Amino acid sequence: MKNEDILLIKKMIKYCDDIGTLMTKFDMDFERYKTDISFQYSCNMCIIQIGELANRVSEEIKGTGKNIPWRAIKGMRNLHAHDYENVDMEIVWNTLLEDIPMLRESLKKLLQY
């Protein structure tokens, strides 16, 4: 694995960890997410950054990490960056709650190859 890919994956893991920290700080409360703009913007910026980094990962790594939904990650990033007012909060919440922890674990396994 190239050093650049290792750094990109480690940064993606860091943003997943940041989301976990935010979720804990705000008691994993969807109602707080819906009403607290700082909670929303913080999580959403992490999603954007994960998408940016995922886009820079080499095709070789994307082929190795086939269980990682690379296109969906990029799509989520694009939605947040370009069409934010149409983001469905429940879908984002489920992403934060379910998909981000799974992504984190998949990225960590990818580093072990």
N, C-alpha and C. Protein backbone atom coordinates (compact mmCIF):
# COMPACT_ATOMS: atom_id res chain seq x y z
N MET A 1 0.85 -1.18 0.00
CA MET A 1 0.00 0.00 0.00
C MET A 1 0.90 1.24 0.00
N LYS A 2 0.57 2.18 -0.84
CA LYS A 2 1.33 3.42 -0.94
C LYS A 2 1.15 4.27 0.33
N ASN A 3 2.21 5.00 0.66
CA ASN A 3 2.15 5.87 1.83
C ASN A 3 1.00 6.88 1.74
N GLU A 4 0.76 7.41 0.56
CA GLU A 4 -0.33 8.38 0.39
C GLU A 4 -1.68 7.75 0.74
N ASP A 5 -1.90 6.52 0.28
CA ASP A 5 -3.15 5.82 0.60
C ASP A 5 -3.27 5.59 2.11
N ILE A 6 -2.17 5.22 2.73
CA ILE A 6 -2.19 5.00 4.19
C ILE A 6 -2.59 6.29 4.89
N LEU A 7 -2.00 7.40 4.50
CA LEU A 7 -2.33 8.69 5.12
C LEU A 7 -3.79 9.07 4.89
N LEU A 8 -4.27 8.86 3.68
CA LEU A 8 -5.67 9.19 3.37
C LEU A 8 -6.63 8.35 4.21
N ILE A 9 -6.35 7.07 4.32
CA ILE A 9 -7.22 6.18 5.10
C ILE A 9 -7.17 6.55 6.58
N LYS A 10 -5.99 6.87 7.09
CA LYS A 10 -5.89 7.28 8.50
C LYS A 10 -6.66 8.57 8.76
N LYS A 11 -6.63 9.49 7.81
CA LYS A 11 -7.39 10.73 7.96
C LYS A 11 -8.89 10.44 7.94
N MET A 12 -9.32 9.52 7.06
CA MET A 12 -10.73 9.14 7.02
C MET A 12 -11.16 8.53 8.35
N ILE A 13 -10.31 7.69 8.92
CA ILE A 13 -10.61 7.09 10.22
C ILE A 13 -10.73 8.18 11.28
N LYS A 14 -9.85 9.17 11.22
CA LYS A 14 -9.90 10.28 12.19
C LYS A 14 -11.23 11.02 12.10
N TYR A 15 -11.71 11.26 10.88
CA TYR A 15 -13.01 11.93 10.75
C TYR A 15 -14.15 11.04 11.24
N CYS A 16 -14.05 9.75 11.04
CA CYS A 16 -15.05 8.83 11.61
C CYS A 16 -15.01 8.92 13.14
N ASP A 17 -13.81 8.97 13.69
CA ASP A 17 -13.67 9.13 15.15
C ASP A 17 -14.25 10.45 15.62
N ASP A 18 -14.03 11.51 14.85
CA ASP A 18 -14.59 12.81 15.20
C ASP A 18 -16.11 12.76 15.24
N ILE A 19 -16.71 12.07 14.28
CA ILE A 19 -18.17 11.91 14.29
C ILE A 19 -18.60 11.15 15.53
N GLY A 20 -17.87 10.09 15.87
CA GLY A 20 -18.19 9.34 17.10
C GLY A 20 -18.12 10.22 18.33
N THR A 21 -17.13 11.08 18.39
CA THR A 21 -17.00 12.01 19.52
C THR A 21 -18.18 12.97 19.57
N LEU A 22 -18.57 13.49 18.42
CA LEU A 22 -19.72 14.39 18.37
C LEU A 22 -21.01 13.68 18.77
N MET A 23 -21.17 12.45 18.30
CA MET A 23 -22.37 11.70 18.64
C MET A 23 -22.45 11.48 20.15
N THR A 24 -21.32 11.18 20.76
CA THR A 24 -21.28 11.00 22.21
C THR A 24 -21.56 12.31 22.93
N LYS A 25 -20.91 13.37 22.48
CA LYS A 25 -21.08 14.69 23.11
C LYS A 25 -22.54 15.12 23.12
N PHE A 26 -23.25 14.81 22.04
CA PHE A 26 -24.65 15.21 21.93
C PHE A 26 -25.61 14.06 22.25
N ASP A 27 -25.12 13.08 23.01
CA ASP A 27 -25.94 11.98 23.54
C ASP A 27 -26.66 11.16 22.47
N MET A 28 -26.10 11.13 21.27
CA MET A 28 -26.70 10.35 20.17
C MET A 28 -28.19 10.64 20.05
N ASP A 29 -28.53 11.90 20.15
CA ASP A 29 -29.92 12.34 20.20
C ASP A 29 -30.32 12.99 18.88
N PHE A 30 -31.20 12.31 18.16
CA PHE A 30 -31.65 12.81 16.85
C PHE A 30 -32.35 14.16 16.98
N GLU A 31 -33.11 14.35 18.03
CA GLU A 31 -33.80 15.63 18.22
C GLU A 31 -32.79 16.77 18.37
N ARG A 32 -31.72 16.51 19.09
CA ARG A 32 -30.66 17.53 19.21
C ARG A 32 -30.00 17.77 17.86
N TYR A 33 -29.80 16.71 17.10
CA TYR A 33 -29.21 16.86 15.77
C TYR A 33 -30.08 17.76 14.90
N LYS A 34 -31.39 17.52 14.95
CA LYS A 34 -32.31 18.31 14.11
C LYS A 34 -32.34 19.78 14.50
N THR A 35 -32.08 20.09 15.76
CA THR A 35 -32.24 21.47 16.22
C THR A 35 -30.93 22.20 16.49
N ASP A 36 -29.83 21.48 16.62
CA ASP A 36 -28.55 22.12 16.95
C ASP A 36 -27.69 22.23 15.69
N ILE A 37 -27.63 23.44 15.15
CA ILE A 37 -26.93 23.67 13.89
C ILE A 37 -25.44 23.35 14.01
N SER A 38 -24.86 23.57 15.17
CA SER A 38 -23.43 23.28 15.32
C SER A 38 -23.18 21.76 15.27
N PHE A 39 -24.09 20.98 15.81
CA PHE A 39 -24.01 19.52 15.74
C PHE A 39 -24.11 19.08 14.27
N GLN A 40 -25.10 19.63 13.57
CA GLN A 40 -25.30 19.29 12.16
C GLN A 40 -24.07 19.65 11.33
N TYR A 41 -23.65 20.89 11.44
CA TYR A 41 -22.54 21.37 10.61
C TYR A 41 -21.24 20.62 10.91
N SER A 42 -21.01 20.30 12.16
CA SER A 42 -19.79 19.57 12.52
C SER A 42 -19.79 18.19 11.90
N CYS A 43 -20.88 17.47 12.06
CA CYS A 43 -20.97 16.12 11.47
C CYS A 43 -20.91 16.18 9.96
N ASN A 44 -21.61 17.14 9.38
CA ASN A 44 -21.66 17.24 7.94
C ASN A 44 -20.31 17.60 7.34
N MET A 45 -19.54 18.43 8.04
CA MET A 45 -18.19 18.75 7.56
C MET A 45 -17.32 17.49 7.56
N CYS A 46 -17.48 16.67 8.57
CA CYS A 46 -16.73 15.40 8.61
C CYS A 46 -17.12 14.51 7.43
N ILE A 47 -18.40 14.46 7.11
CA ILE A 47 -18.86 13.67 5.97
C ILE A 47 -18.24 14.20 4.67
N ILE A 48 -18.21 15.50 4.53
CA ILE A 48 -17.61 16.11 3.34
C ILE A 48 -16.13 15.74 3.26
N GLN A 49 -15.42 15.84 4.37
CA GLN A 49 -13.99 15.55 4.38
C GLN A 49 -13.73 14.07 4.07
N ILE A 50 -14.54 13.18 4.62
CA ILE A 50 -14.39 11.75 4.32
C ILE A 50 -14.56 11.53 2.82
N GLY A 51 -15.56 12.18 2.22
CA GLY A 51 -15.78 12.06 0.78
C GLY A 51 -14.63 12.61 -0.04
N GLU A 52 -14.08 13.73 0.38
CA GLU A 52 -12.93 14.31 -0.32
C GLU A 52 -11.75 13.34 -0.29
N LEU A 53 -11.48 12.80 0.89
CA LEU A 53 -10.35 11.88 1.04
C LEU A 53 -10.58 10.59 0.26
N ALA A 54 -11.80 10.07 0.32
CA ALA A 54 -12.13 8.83 -0.41
C ALA A 54 -11.91 9.01 -1.90
N ASN A 55 -12.18 10.18 -2.40
CA ASN A 55 -12.01 10.46 -3.82
C ASN A 55 -10.54 10.42 -4.24
N ARG A 56 -9.64 10.64 -3.30
CA ARG A 56 -8.21 10.67 -3.59
C ARG A 56 -7.51 9.32 -3.37
N VAL A 57 -8.22 8.35 -2.80
CA VAL A 57 -7.65 7.02 -2.59
C VAL A 57 -7.42 6.38 -3.96
N SER A 58 -6.32 5.66 -4.10
CA SER A 58 -5.98 5.06 -5.39
C SER A 58 -7.00 3.99 -5.81
N GLU A 59 -7.07 3.78 -7.10
CA GLU A 59 -7.96 2.74 -7.64
C GLU A 59 -7.56 1.36 -7.14
N GLU A 60 -6.28 1.17 -6.92
CA GLU A 60 -5.78 -0.11 -6.38
C GLU A 60 -6.42 -0.41 -5.02
N ILE A 61 -6.44 0.58 -4.16
CA ILE A 61 -7.01 0.41 -2.83
C ILE A 61 -8.52 0.24 -2.92
N LYS A 62 -9.15 1.01 -3.79
CA LYS A 62 -10.60 0.86 -3.97
C LYS A 62 -10.94 -0.55 -4.43
N GLY A 63 -10.08 -1.15 -5.23
CA GLY A 63 -10.29 -2.53 -5.67
C GLY A 63 -10.11 -3.53 -4.54
N THR A 64 -9.18 -3.22 -3.64
CA THR A 64 -8.93 -4.08 -2.48
C THR A 64 -10.08 -3.98 -1.48
N GLY A 65 -10.56 -2.75 -1.27
CA GLY A 65 -11.63 -2.50 -0.30
C GLY A 65 -12.98 -2.48 -0.97
N LYS A 66 -13.34 -3.59 -1.60
CA LYS A 66 -14.59 -3.65 -2.36
C LYS A 66 -15.83 -3.58 -1.47
N ASN A 67 -15.68 -3.89 -0.19
CA ASN A 67 -16.82 -3.82 0.72
C ASN A 67 -17.11 -2.39 1.15
N ILE A 68 -16.23 -1.46 0.80
CA ILE A 68 -16.42 -0.05 1.14
C ILE A 68 -17.17 0.61 -0.01
N PRO A 69 -18.29 1.29 0.27
CA PRO A 69 -19.09 1.89 -0.80
C PRO A 69 -18.50 3.24 -1.27
N TRP A 70 -17.40 3.17 -2.01
CA TRP A 70 -16.66 4.37 -2.42
C TRP A 70 -17.54 5.36 -3.17
N ARG A 71 -18.34 4.88 -4.10
CA ARG A 71 -19.20 5.79 -4.88
C ARG A 71 -20.26 6.45 -4.00
N ALA A 72 -20.81 5.69 -3.07
CA ALA A 72 -21.83 6.25 -2.17
C ALA A 72 -21.21 7.32 -1.25
N ILE A 73 -19.98 7.08 -0.83
CA ILE A 73 -19.28 8.05 0.03
C ILE A 73 -19.09 9.36 -0.75
N LYS A 74 -18.64 9.24 -1.97
CA LYS A 74 -18.47 10.42 -2.82
C LYS A 74 -19.82 11.10 -3.08
N GLY A 75 -20.85 10.30 -3.32
CA GLY A 75 -22.19 10.85 -3.56
C GLY A 75 -22.72 11.61 -2.36
N MET A 76 -22.49 11.08 -1.17
CA MET A 76 -22.93 11.76 0.05
C MET A 76 -22.18 13.08 0.20
N ARG A 77 -20.88 13.05 -0.10
CA ARG A 77 -20.07 14.28 -0.04
C ARG A 77 -20.63 15.33 -1.00
N ASN A 78 -20.91 14.91 -2.23
CA ASN A 78 -21.41 15.84 -3.23
C ASN A 78 -22.76 16.43 -2.83
N LEU A 79 -23.61 15.62 -2.27
CA LEU A 79 -24.90 16.11 -1.82
C LEU A 79 -24.72 17.18 -0.74
N HIS A 80 -23.86 16.92 0.23
CA HIS A 80 -23.63 17.89 1.30
C HIS A 80 -22.96 19.16 0.79
N ALA A 81 -22.08 19.02 -0.17
CA ALA A 81 -21.33 20.17 -0.65
C ALA A 81 -22.12 21.02 -1.65
N HIS A 82 -22.99 20.38 -2.44
CA HIS A 82 -23.61 21.10 -3.55
C HIS A 82 -25.13 21.25 -3.46
N ASP A 83 -25.76 20.46 -2.60
CA ASP A 83 -27.23 20.50 -2.54
C ASP A 83 -27.69 20.36 -1.09
N TYR A 84 -27.01 21.05 -0.20
CA TYR A 84 -27.20 20.86 1.23
C TYR A 84 -28.64 21.07 1.69
N GLU A 85 -29.34 22.02 1.10
CA GLU A 85 -30.71 22.30 1.57
C GLU A 85 -31.67 21.15 1.28
N ASN A 86 -31.25 20.21 0.43
CA ASN A 86 -32.11 19.06 0.13
C ASN A 86 -31.66 17.78 0.82
N VAL A 87 -30.76 17.89 1.77
CA VAL A 87 -30.28 16.72 2.51
C VAL A 87 -31.38 16.25 3.46
N ASP A 88 -31.66 14.97 3.44
CA ASP A 88 -32.65 14.37 4.33
C ASP A 88 -31.98 14.05 5.67
N MET A 89 -32.40 14.74 6.72
CA MET A 89 -31.76 14.59 8.03
C MET A 89 -31.82 13.17 8.57
N GLU A 90 -32.90 12.46 8.30
CA GLU A 90 -33.01 11.09 8.80
C GLU A 90 -32.00 10.16 8.10
N ILE A 91 -31.79 10.37 6.82
CA ILE A 91 -30.80 9.56 6.10
C ILE A 91 -29.41 9.86 6.64
N VAL A 92 -29.11 11.15 6.84
CA VAL A 92 -27.80 11.52 7.39
C VAL A 92 -27.64 10.94 8.78
N TRP A 93 -28.68 11.01 9.59
CA TRP A 93 -28.62 10.47 10.95
C TRP A 93 -28.29 8.97 10.92
N ASN A 94 -28.97 8.24 10.05
CA ASN A 94 -28.70 6.80 9.94
C ASN A 94 -27.27 6.56 9.46
N THR A 95 -26.78 7.41 8.58
CA THR A 95 -25.39 7.32 8.14
C THR A 95 -24.45 7.51 9.31
N LEU A 96 -24.72 8.54 10.11
CA LEU A 96 -23.87 8.83 11.27
C LEU A 96 -23.91 7.69 12.28
N LEU A 97 -25.07 7.16 12.50
CA LEU A 97 -25.28 6.15 13.53
C LEU A 97 -24.80 4.75 13.11
N GLU A 98 -25.03 4.39 11.86
CA GLU A 98 -24.77 3.02 11.41
C GLU A 98 -23.59 2.92 10.44
N ASP A 99 -23.61 3.74 9.40
CA ASP A 99 -22.63 3.58 8.32
C ASP A 99 -21.23 4.05 8.71
N ILE A 100 -21.13 5.14 9.44
CA ILE A 100 -19.81 5.66 9.81
C ILE A 100 -19.05 4.66 10.69
N PRO A 101 -19.65 4.09 11.72
CA PRO A 101 -18.90 3.08 12.50
C PRO A 101 -18.47 1.87 11.65
N MET A 102 -19.33 1.44 10.73
CA MET A 102 -18.96 0.32 9.85
C MET A 102 -17.83 0.72 8.91
N LEU A 103 -17.90 1.95 8.39
CA LEU A 103 -16.84 2.44 7.52
C LEU A 103 -15.51 2.48 8.28
N ARG A 104 -15.55 2.95 9.49
CA ARG A 104 -14.34 3.03 10.31
C ARG A 104 -13.69 1.65 10.44
N GLU A 105 -14.49 0.65 10.76
CA GLU A 105 -13.96 -0.70 10.93
C GLU A 105 -13.42 -1.25 9.61
N SER A 106 -14.10 -0.99 8.52
CA SER A 106 -13.63 -1.46 7.21
C SER A 106 -12.32 -0.79 6.83
N LEU A 107 -12.19 0.49 7.13
CA LEU A 107 -10.95 1.21 6.84
C LEU A 107 -9.79 0.67 7.69
N LYS A 108 -10.08 0.39 8.95
CA LYS A 108 -9.04 -0.17 9.82
C LYS A 108 -8.57 -1.53 9.29
N LYS A 109 -9.48 -2.36 8.83
CA LYS A 109 -9.12 -3.66 8.25
C LYS A 109 -8.30 -3.48 6.98
N LEU A 110 -8.66 -2.48 6.21
CA LEU A 110 -7.95 -2.20 4.97
C LEU A 110 -6.48 -1.86 5.25
N LEU A 111 -6.22 -1.18 6.33
CA LEU A 111 -4.85 -0.83 6.69
C LEU A 111 -4.02 -2.08 7.06
N GLN A 112 -4.69 -3.15 7.41
CA GLN A 112 -3.98 -4.37 7.81
C GLN A 112 -3.52 -5.19 6.63
N TYR A 113 -3.96 -4.88 5.42
CA TYR A 113 -3.53 -5.63 4.23
C TYR A 113 -2.09 -5.34 3.92
